[in-house]
Structures are given as C-alpha cells and as structure tokens.
Amino acid sequence: MNKNQIIKTVWDLTQPITDSLGLTLWDVLFLKEGATWSLRIIIDRESGVDMDACEAVSRALDPKLDEVDPIDQSYVLEVWSA
C-alpha cells in the first residue's frame, strides 16, 4: 500500500473506535522520523483528552492493525491529543 492508502485504511479502522469512546479523530499521520516510521493517531474531545483516552484508543486499535496488517515495515504506534 502507498502512504495515502495506509492513512485511509487506518482512518477507517480508527474512526469507529474514537466514535465509541466519545472522541474526535483529528488526524492520521504516517511519517518517517530519522530511521523510525511512526503511525500517529491524533484525537480530541471537548472536555479534553487524558492519557487514559490515548491508551484506550491504542489498545483497541492495535489488534485491528495486526489483523488487517496495512503497513509492511515496522513502525511505532502513537496516540496523541490535538
């Protein structure tokens, strides 16, 4: 998959998770920083996002990414607040 396809696939996997947790999916980025690829999920919520929300998204998304396996190379999954 190319970078745009990866981002679309990950967005489609993440959106139902964030919706179910009362969060807004703000952005999905797949970028290379130095030698490391990062898959960065950016979330938000009117009342703010805490570490528990970031962890909940990460834990729910991780098995879905393993199942669909849209990314060939190794990467770091990061969930950030907007």
Protein backbone atom coordinates (compact mmCIF):
# COMPACT_ATOMS: atom_id res chain seq x y z
CA MET A 1 0.00 0.00 0.00
CA ASN A 2 1.14 3.53 -0.61
CA LYS A 3 1.15 6.16 2.13
CA ASN A 4 -2.28 7.59 1.24
CA GLN A 5 -3.86 4.12 1.20
CA ILE A 6 -2.31 3.34 4.59
CA ILE A 7 -3.69 6.56 6.07
CA LYS A 8 -7.18 5.90 4.65
CA THR A 9 -7.18 2.30 5.91
CA VAL A 10 -6.02 3.32 9.37
CA TRP A 11 -8.57 6.17 9.46
CA ASP A 12 -11.34 3.69 8.61
CA LEU A 13 -10.16 1.34 11.38
CA THR A 14 -9.80 4.11 13.96
CA GLN A 15 -12.99 6.13 13.37
CA PRO A 16 -15.39 3.60 14.94
CA ILE A 17 -13.10 3.29 17.96
CA THR A 18 -12.89 7.02 18.59
CA ASP A 19 -16.63 7.42 17.99
CA SER A 20 -17.43 4.70 20.54
CA LEU A 21 -15.20 6.42 23.12
CA GLY A 22 -16.77 9.85 22.58
CA LEU A 23 -13.62 11.17 20.91
CA THR A 24 -12.99 13.00 17.66
CA LEU A 25 -10.46 11.55 15.25
CA TRP A 26 -8.49 14.64 14.29
CA ASP A 27 -5.79 13.23 12.01
CA VAL A 28 -3.80 10.15 10.99
CA LEU A 29 -0.18 10.61 10.02
CA PHE A 30 2.31 8.07 8.75
CA LEU A 31 5.74 9.61 8.72
CA LYS A 32 9.40 8.77 8.91
CA GLU A 33 11.46 10.50 11.56
CA GLY A 34 15.10 9.55 11.24
CA ALA A 35 15.21 5.78 10.84
CA THR A 36 11.84 5.22 12.53
CA TRP A 37 8.39 5.13 10.94
CA SER A 38 5.57 6.46 13.14
CA LEU A 39 1.85 5.93 12.79
CA ARG A 40 0.41 8.89 14.68
CA ILE A 41 -3.26 8.99 15.61
CA ILE A 42 -4.40 12.43 16.80
CA ILE A 43 -7.60 12.60 18.85
CA ASP A 44 -9.58 15.29 20.62
CA ARG A 45 -12.63 15.81 22.82
CA GLU A 46 -14.37 18.97 24.04
CA SER A 47 -13.62 18.12 27.66
CA GLY A 48 -10.00 17.34 26.81
CA VAL A 49 -8.05 14.16 26.25
CA ASP A 50 -6.16 12.43 29.02
CA MET A 51 -3.65 9.60 28.96
CA ASP A 52 -6.42 7.05 29.62
CA ALA A 53 -8.20 8.06 26.40
CA CYS A 54 -4.98 7.77 24.39
CA GLU A 55 -4.32 4.36 25.92
CA ALA A 56 -7.88 3.17 25.21
CA VAL A 57 -7.55 4.08 21.53
CA SER A 58 -4.13 2.44 21.29
CA ARG A 59 -5.30 -0.79 22.96
CA ALA A 60 -8.41 -1.03 20.78
CA LEU A 61 -6.61 -0.17 17.54
CA ASP A 62 -3.53 -2.36 17.95
CA PRO A 63 -5.25 -5.74 17.34
CA LYS A 64 -7.14 -4.33 14.36
CA LEU A 65 -3.87 -3.16 12.80
CA ASP A 66 -2.39 -6.61 13.41
CA GLU A 67 -5.39 -8.25 11.74
CA VAL A 68 -5.53 -6.00 8.66
CA ASP A 69 -1.73 -5.51 8.52
CA PRO A 70 -1.77 -2.46 6.20
CA ILE A 71 1.87 -1.50 6.84
CA ASP A 72 4.77 -3.57 5.53
CA GLN A 73 7.60 -2.06 7.53
CA SER A 74 7.97 -1.83 11.30
CA TYR A 75 6.57 1.32 12.91
CA VAL A 76 5.69 2.87 16.24
CA LEU A 77 2.01 3.44 17.03
CA GLU A 78 1.48 6.78 18.79
CA VAL A 79 -1.82 8.23 20.00
CA TRP A 80 -1.69 11.99 20.65
CA SER A 81 -4.16 14.59 21.76
CA ALA A 82 -4.86 17.55 19.49
